[in-house]
Amino acid sequence: MVSFEDFKKAALSFENAVEEPHFEKTSFRVNKKIFAAFDEKNNRAVLKLNEIDQSVFCASSEMIFYPIPNKWGKQGWTIVELSKVRPEMFEDALKLSYQNVAPKKKK
């Protein structure tokens, strides 16, 4: 299980990550782009995964990870049941979500 405080702490640990409201949810952004959101009413996270990562997480834990059931889900937006997910698995998915949205570093 992952609490909102654990979620928030992990999300804000990424470089340039900020917390902002997003309608009735709390969002976490980098360079004004959302990489994660918290749905307090349902105790769920929403993460922006790429197609491959989304399919891997959803296939391995379909009761914990699943695509949003609309066009957003087809774009990688994935629901995570915070009451069921192991902290390590959530942190891995959150990191991938951040990396998908964060600007790529120039070499």
Protein backbone atom coordinates (compact mmCIF):
# COMPACT_ATOMS: atom_id res chain seq x y z
CA MET A 1 0.00 0.00 0.00
CA VAL A 2 1.15 3.52 -0.83
CA SER A 3 -0.14 6.50 1.13
CA PHE A 4 -0.67 9.92 -0.42
CA GLU A 5 2.22 11.26 1.67
CA ASP A 6 4.54 8.55 0.28
CA PHE A 7 3.28 9.27 -3.25
CA LYS A 8 3.82 13.01 -2.81
CA LYS A 9 7.29 12.59 -1.32
CA ALA A 10 8.38 10.30 -4.17
CA ALA A 11 6.88 12.52 -6.90
CA LEU A 12 8.46 15.69 -5.53
CA SER A 13 11.87 14.00 -5.24
CA PHE A 14 12.35 14.27 -9.02
CA GLU A 15 14.24 17.20 -10.47
CA ASN A 16 12.00 20.26 -11.09
CA ALA A 17 8.83 18.39 -10.02
CA VAL A 18 6.04 20.55 -8.56
CA GLU A 19 2.61 19.92 -7.08
CA GLU A 20 -0.41 21.75 -8.56
CA PRO A 21 -4.17 21.29 -8.49
CA HIS A 22 -5.80 19.73 -11.54
CA PHE A 23 -9.58 19.90 -11.40
CA GLU A 24 -10.55 17.75 -8.37
CA LYS A 25 -7.15 16.02 -8.32
CA THR A 26 -3.63 16.84 -7.19
CA SER A 27 -1.14 16.74 -10.04
CA PHE A 28 2.61 16.46 -10.15
CA ARG A 29 4.32 18.17 -13.06
CA VAL A 30 7.66 18.81 -14.63
CA ASN A 31 7.95 21.83 -16.95
CA LYS A 32 4.17 22.31 -16.72
CA LYS A 33 3.48 18.77 -18.00
CA ILE A 34 1.66 16.27 -15.78
CA PHE A 35 3.47 13.02 -15.09
CA ALA A 36 1.26 11.87 -12.19
CA ALA A 37 -2.01 12.74 -10.48
CA PHE A 38 -3.72 11.71 -7.27
CA ASP A 39 -7.45 10.94 -7.12
CA GLU A 40 -8.20 11.33 -3.41
CA LYS A 41 -11.83 10.25 -3.73
CA ASN A 42 -10.83 6.82 -5.07
CA ASN A 43 -7.31 6.58 -3.56
CA ARG A 44 -5.77 6.10 -6.98
CA ALA A 45 -2.80 7.43 -8.85
CA VAL A 46 -2.77 8.14 -12.55
CA LEU A 47 0.58 7.85 -14.31
CA LYS A 48 1.76 8.65 -17.85
CA LEU A 49 3.49 5.51 -19.10
CA ASN A 50 4.63 4.69 -22.59
CA GLU A 51 2.82 1.92 -24.45
CA ILE A 52 5.36 -0.79 -23.60
CA ASP A 53 5.63 0.07 -19.90
CA GLN A 54 1.85 0.31 -19.62
CA SER A 55 1.41 -3.15 -21.14
CA VAL A 56 4.06 -4.68 -18.84
CA PHE A 57 2.63 -3.22 -15.63
CA CYS A 58 -0.96 -4.00 -16.61
CA ALA A 59 -0.15 -7.59 -17.65
CA SER A 60 1.75 -8.34 -14.45
CA SER A 61 -0.75 -6.76 -12.06
CA GLU A 62 -4.07 -6.18 -13.83
CA MET A 63 -6.00 -5.60 -10.59
CA ILE A 64 -3.52 -2.88 -9.60
CA PHE A 65 -2.54 -1.25 -12.91
CA TYR A 66 -4.95 -0.67 -15.78
CA PRO A 67 -5.38 1.86 -18.60
CA ILE A 68 -7.90 4.66 -18.20
CA PRO A 69 -10.87 3.27 -20.17
CA ASN A 70 -10.94 5.92 -22.91
CA LYS A 71 -8.64 7.61 -25.43
CA TRP A 72 -6.38 8.80 -22.60
CA GLY A 73 -5.66 5.20 -21.68
CA LYS A 74 -4.57 4.51 -25.26
CA GLN A 75 -2.06 7.35 -24.83
CA GLY A 76 -0.48 5.64 -21.82
CA TRP A 77 -2.44 7.14 -18.93
CA THR A 78 -2.65 4.35 -16.38
CA ILE A 79 -4.60 4.00 -13.13
CA VAL A 80 -2.79 2.57 -10.11
CA GLU A 81 -4.73 1.29 -7.10
CA LEU A 82 -2.69 2.72 -4.22
CA SER A 83 -4.29 0.45 -1.61
CA LYS A 84 -3.03 -2.64 -3.49
CA VAL A 85 0.32 -1.70 -5.01
CA ARG A 86 3.66 -2.59 -3.45
CA PRO A 87 5.72 0.55 -2.75
CA GLU A 88 8.70 -0.64 -4.83
CA MET A 89 6.51 -1.37 -7.84
CA PHE A 90 4.79 2.01 -7.55
CA GLU A 91 8.11 3.84 -7.31
CA ASP A 92 9.35 2.06 -10.45
CA ALA A 93 6.22 3.05 -12.38
CA LEU A 94 6.34 6.64 -11.05
CA LYS A 95 9.97 6.99 -12.14
CA LEU A 96 9.11 5.78 -15.65
CA SER A 97 6.18 8.20 -15.78
CA TYR A 98 8.44 11.09 -14.81
CA GLN A 99 11.05 10.05 -17.39
CA ASN A 100 8.39 9.91 -20.11
CA VAL A 101 7.40 13.52 -19.47
CA ALA A 102 10.64 15.20 -18.29
CA PRO A 103 12.75 16.94 -20.89
CA LYS A 104 15.58 14.81 -22.17
CA LYS A 105 19.00 15.92 -20.96
CA LYS A 106 21.40 17.11 -23.63
CA LYS A 107 24.73 15.31 -23.77
